[in-house]
């Protein structure tokens, strides 16, 4: 007997006699091994999912940055075309020949046929 007395068994540990003890031990070891493998596979799946989400997140961040850059570029182009249009309208013979219209009129494509209106973005 030890200094501490009899060591109590864990509540789930059951002591039996003879061959039942060894077969229970074998089953317990097999169950633990099976559980260990299942836990390991679960952790691998979780890690793989986290890696996939991380890569997807990085890809979306790159797409977002590219779209923000495109928005900035298009905004600058809009400012340029608005400026060109504002400077062109008082000189435009096509618009002067037509009847005055309210400012919210959408201009048709034929009103902008002059070759001197061009964007630096579309020049070769």
Protein backbone atom coordinates (compact mmCIF):
# COMPACT_ATOMS: atom_id res chain seq x y z
CA UNK A 1 0.00 0.00 0.00
CA UNK A 2 1.26 3.45 -0.84
CA UNK A 3 1.59 6.51 1.32
CA UNK A 4 -1.60 7.91 -0.17
CA UNK A 5 -3.62 4.79 0.38
CA UNK A 6 -5.70 3.10 -2.26
CA UNK A 7 -5.87 5.12 -5.48
CA UNK A 8 -9.50 5.43 -6.57
CA UNK A 9 -10.27 4.45 -10.13
CA UNK A 10 -11.70 6.88 -12.60
CA UNK A 11 -15.50 6.53 -12.66
CA UNK A 12 -15.46 5.30 -16.26
CA UNK A 13 -12.74 2.74 -15.62
CA UNK A 14 -14.22 -0.58 -14.71
CA UNK A 15 -12.25 -3.49 -13.36
CA UNK A 16 -13.40 -6.94 -14.29
CA UNK A 17 -11.95 -10.34 -13.87
CA UNK A 18 -10.14 -12.58 -16.35
CA UNK A 19 -10.48 -12.46 -20.12
CA UNK A 20 -13.22 -9.80 -20.03
CA UNK A 21 -10.62 -7.36 -18.70
CA UNK A 22 -8.27 -7.94 -21.62
CA UNK A 23 -11.04 -7.79 -24.27
CA UNK A 24 -12.37 -4.57 -22.73
CA UNK A 25 -8.85 -3.16 -22.78
CA UNK A 26 -8.48 -4.11 -26.44
CA UNK A 27 -11.82 -2.47 -27.30
CA UNK A 28 -10.91 0.62 -25.30
CA UNK A 29 -7.55 0.91 -27.07
CA UNK A 30 -9.22 0.43 -30.47
CA UNK A 31 -11.88 3.02 -29.64
CA UNK A 32 -9.25 5.50 -28.47
CA UNK A 33 -7.18 4.94 -31.61
CA UNK A 34 -10.25 5.37 -33.81
CA UNK A 35 -11.16 8.56 -31.93
CA UNK A 36 -7.60 9.87 -32.19
CA UNK A 37 -7.63 9.35 -35.96
CA UNK A 38 -11.06 10.97 -36.29
CA UNK A 39 -9.91 13.98 -34.24
CA UNK A 40 -6.76 14.29 -36.35
CA UNK A 41 -8.80 14.21 -39.58
CA UNK A 42 -11.19 16.79 -38.14
CA UNK A 43 -8.30 19.12 -37.28
CA UNK A 44 -6.86 18.65 -40.80
CA UNK A 45 -10.24 19.53 -42.37
CA UNK A 46 -10.53 22.57 -40.12
CA UNK A 47 -7.01 23.73 -41.05
CA UNK A 48 -7.71 23.16 -44.76
CA UNK A 49 -10.94 25.15 -44.52
CA UNK A 50 -9.15 28.01 -42.72
CA UNK A 51 -6.42 28.01 -45.40
CA UNK A 52 -9.02 28.07 -48.18
CA UNK A 53 -10.89 30.93 -46.53
CA UNK A 54 -7.64 32.84 -46.07
CA UNK A 55 -6.74 32.47 -49.76
CA UNK A 56 -10.27 33.46 -50.79
CA UNK A 57 -10.06 36.50 -48.51
CA UNK A 58 -6.75 37.57 -50.07
CA UNK A 59 -8.21 37.14 -53.56
CA UNK A 60 -11.27 39.22 -52.66
CA UNK A 61 -9.04 41.93 -51.18
CA UNK A 62 -7.06 42.07 -54.44
CA UNK A 63 -10.28 42.27 -56.47
CA UNK A 64 -11.57 45.00 -54.18
CA UNK A 65 -8.37 47.02 -54.60
CA UNK A 66 -8.55 46.63 -58.39
CA UNK A 67 -12.19 47.73 -58.42
CA UNK A 68 -11.41 50.74 -56.23
CA UNK A 69 -8.60 51.68 -58.62
CA UNK A 70 -10.98 51.34 -61.57
CA UNK A 71 -13.60 53.48 -59.80
CA UNK A 72 -10.97 56.17 -59.21
CA UNK A 73 -9.87 56.00 -62.85
CA UNK A 74 -13.46 56.18 -64.12
CA UNK A 75 -14.23 59.09 -61.80
CA UNK A 76 -11.26 60.98 -63.22
CA UNK A 77 -12.40 60.14 -66.74
CA UNK A 78 -15.92 61.38 -65.90
CA UNK A 79 -14.45 64.67 -64.64
CA UNK A 80 -12.45 64.99 -67.85
CA UNK A 81 -15.45 64.31 -70.12
CA UNK A 82 -17.65 66.64 -68.08
CA UNK A 83 -15.06 69.38 -68.50
CA UNK A 84 -14.77 68.72 -72.24
CA UNK A 85 -18.55 68.74 -72.60
CA UNK A 86 -18.92 71.94 -70.58
CA UNK A 87 -16.31 73.70 -72.72
CA UNK A 88 -17.79 72.29 -75.93
CA UNK A 89 -21.47 73.08 -75.35
CA UNK A 90 -21.24 76.89 -75.89
CA UNK A 91 -19.37 76.33 -79.18
CA UNK A 92 -21.42 73.40 -80.52
CA UNK A 93 -23.25 74.21 -83.77
CA UNK A 94 -25.44 71.10 -83.47
CA UNK A 95 -26.75 72.13 -80.07
CA UNK A 96 -27.13 75.79 -81.09
CA UNK A 97 -29.26 74.83 -84.12
CA UNK A 98 -31.69 72.80 -82.04
CA UNK A 99 -34.33 74.31 -79.80
CA UNK A 100 -33.30 75.05 -76.24
CA UNK A 101 -34.03 72.17 -73.95
CA UNK A 102 -34.06 71.72 -70.20
CA UNK A 103 -30.68 70.91 -68.61
CA UNK A 104 -31.71 67.34 -67.71
CA UNK A 105 -31.85 66.30 -71.38
CA UNK A 106 -29.76 63.27 -72.20
CA UNK A 107 -27.65 63.98 -75.28
CA UNK A 108 -27.85 61.57 -78.17
CA UNK A 109 -24.72 59.93 -79.55
CA UNK A 110 -24.81 61.96 -82.81
CA UNK A 111 -24.38 65.21 -80.87
CA UNK A 112 -20.80 64.21 -79.99
CA UNK A 113 -19.48 63.25 -83.39
CA UNK A 114 -16.75 65.90 -83.50
CA UNK A 115 -13.29 64.33 -83.86
CA UNK A 116 -11.64 66.89 -81.55
CA UNK A 117 -13.34 65.32 -78.51
CA UNK A 118 -11.16 62.46 -77.35
CA UNK A 119 -9.96 60.90 -74.18
CA UNK A 120 -6.26 60.44 -73.42
CA UNK A 121 -7.22 56.95 -72.24
CA UNK A 122 -8.27 55.89 -75.75
CA UNK A 123 -5.39 57.40 -77.71
CA UNK A 124 -2.80 54.95 -79.12
